[in-house]
Amino acid sequence: MQIQVEKLTAEEKQQRGVDSWPIWERGVSRFDWYYDETEECLLLEGEVEVETESGTVHIAAGDFVTFPRGLSCVWDIRKPVRKHYNFR
């Protein structure tokens, strides 16, 4: 299971309706997480290291990230996070 990290153009953001998605915030912390649904998110602020069985993925403000359903990981939030998110 791969985490996808990409940059969206303003047009792609608008097409996906990202600005209307809910916002989630969390301070510096470390916790286990399991995705029972696929999540798409756009980091507005912050920095995170997401640890999976296949390695560590660095995510920072401006990244559009897709977490696949069934993924187990550890979130290590290095700088407080604020993100738009959507489950599908």
Protein backbone atom coordinates (compact mmCIF):
# COMPACT_ATOMS: atom_id res chain seq x y z
CA MET A 1 0.00 0.00 0.00
CA GLN A 2 1.47 3.25 -1.14
CA ILE A 3 0.88 6.77 0.12
CA GLN A 4 0.65 9.16 -2.84
CA VAL A 5 2.01 12.69 -2.44
CA GLU A 6 1.50 15.27 -5.18
CA LYS A 7 1.06 18.96 -5.81
CA LEU A 8 -2.27 20.15 -7.19
CA THR A 9 -2.74 23.10 -9.50
CA ALA A 10 -5.35 25.68 -8.53
CA GLU A 11 -7.60 24.22 -11.24
CA GLU A 12 -7.25 20.67 -9.87
CA LYS A 13 -8.05 21.92 -6.35
CA GLN A 14 -11.17 23.61 -7.65
CA GLN A 15 -12.27 20.55 -9.67
CA ARG A 16 -12.01 18.34 -6.58
CA GLY A 17 -13.79 20.89 -4.36
CA VAL A 18 -10.97 20.79 -1.80
CA ASP A 19 -11.82 24.19 -0.28
CA SER A 20 -15.26 22.87 0.78
CA TRP A 21 -13.84 19.84 2.62
CA PRO A 22 -13.75 19.84 6.45
CA ILE A 23 -10.61 20.97 8.26
CA TRP A 24 -8.71 18.91 10.84
CA GLU A 25 -6.05 20.34 13.16
CA ARG A 26 -3.59 18.70 15.53
CA GLY A 27 -0.55 19.88 17.47
CA VAL A 28 2.84 18.23 17.68
CA SER A 29 2.21 14.60 18.62
CA ARG A 30 2.80 10.97 17.68
CA PHE A 31 0.07 8.35 17.29
CA ASP A 32 -0.89 5.11 15.52
CA TRP A 33 -3.52 5.32 12.79
CA TYR A 34 -5.46 2.89 10.61
CA TYR A 35 -7.35 3.93 7.46
CA ASP A 36 -10.62 2.02 7.10
CA GLU A 37 -11.45 4.27 4.13
CA THR A 38 -9.29 6.00 1.51
CA GLU A 39 -8.48 9.55 2.64
CA GLU A 40 -7.46 12.45 0.45
CA CYS A 41 -6.10 15.54 2.17
CA LEU A 42 -4.38 18.83 1.43
CA LEU A 43 -1.96 20.04 4.09
CA LEU A 44 -2.50 23.75 4.63
CA GLU A 45 0.07 24.02 7.43
CA GLY A 46 2.52 21.76 9.19
CA GLU A 47 4.97 18.94 8.73
CA VAL A 48 4.48 15.20 9.29
CA GLU A 49 6.52 12.01 9.02
CA VAL A 50 4.20 9.08 8.30
CA GLU A 51 5.81 5.73 9.11
CA THR A 52 4.58 2.60 7.31
CA GLU A 53 5.87 -0.95 6.89
CA SER A 54 7.50 0.10 3.61
CA GLY A 55 9.22 3.26 4.92
CA THR A 56 8.68 6.84 6.00
CA VAL A 57 6.90 9.49 3.93
CA HIS A 58 7.52 13.20 4.60
CA ILE A 59 4.48 15.45 4.14
CA ALA A 60 4.53 19.25 4.33
CA ALA A 61 2.25 22.23 3.71
CA GLY A 62 1.08 22.31 0.09
CA ASP A 63 1.13 18.52 -0.37
CA PHE A 64 -1.98 16.69 -1.59
CA VAL A 65 -1.88 13.20 -0.08
CA THR A 66 -3.88 10.03 -0.69
CA PHE A 67 -3.82 7.40 2.06
CA PRO A 68 -5.13 4.01 0.84
CA ARG A 69 -7.83 2.07 2.64
CA GLY A 70 -6.32 -0.60 4.88
CA LEU A 71 -3.11 1.31 5.65
CA SER A 72 -1.66 1.05 9.17
CA CYS A 73 0.84 3.76 10.04
CA VAL A 74 2.28 6.05 12.70
CA TRP A 75 1.81 9.79 12.39
CA ASP A 76 4.69 11.83 13.81
CA ILE A 77 3.57 15.46 13.63
CA ARG A 78 6.68 17.66 13.73
CA LYS A 79 4.94 21.04 13.19
CA PRO A 80 1.24 21.62 14.00
CA VAL A 81 -1.02 20.40 11.19
CA ARG A 82 -4.04 21.98 9.57
CA LYS A 83 -5.54 20.13 6.61
CA HIS A 84 -8.59 19.75 4.40
CA TYR A 85 -9.67 16.10 4.26
CA ASN A 86 -12.13 13.87 2.44
CA PHE A 87 -12.92 10.17 2.85
CA ARG A 88 -14.05 8.11 -0.12
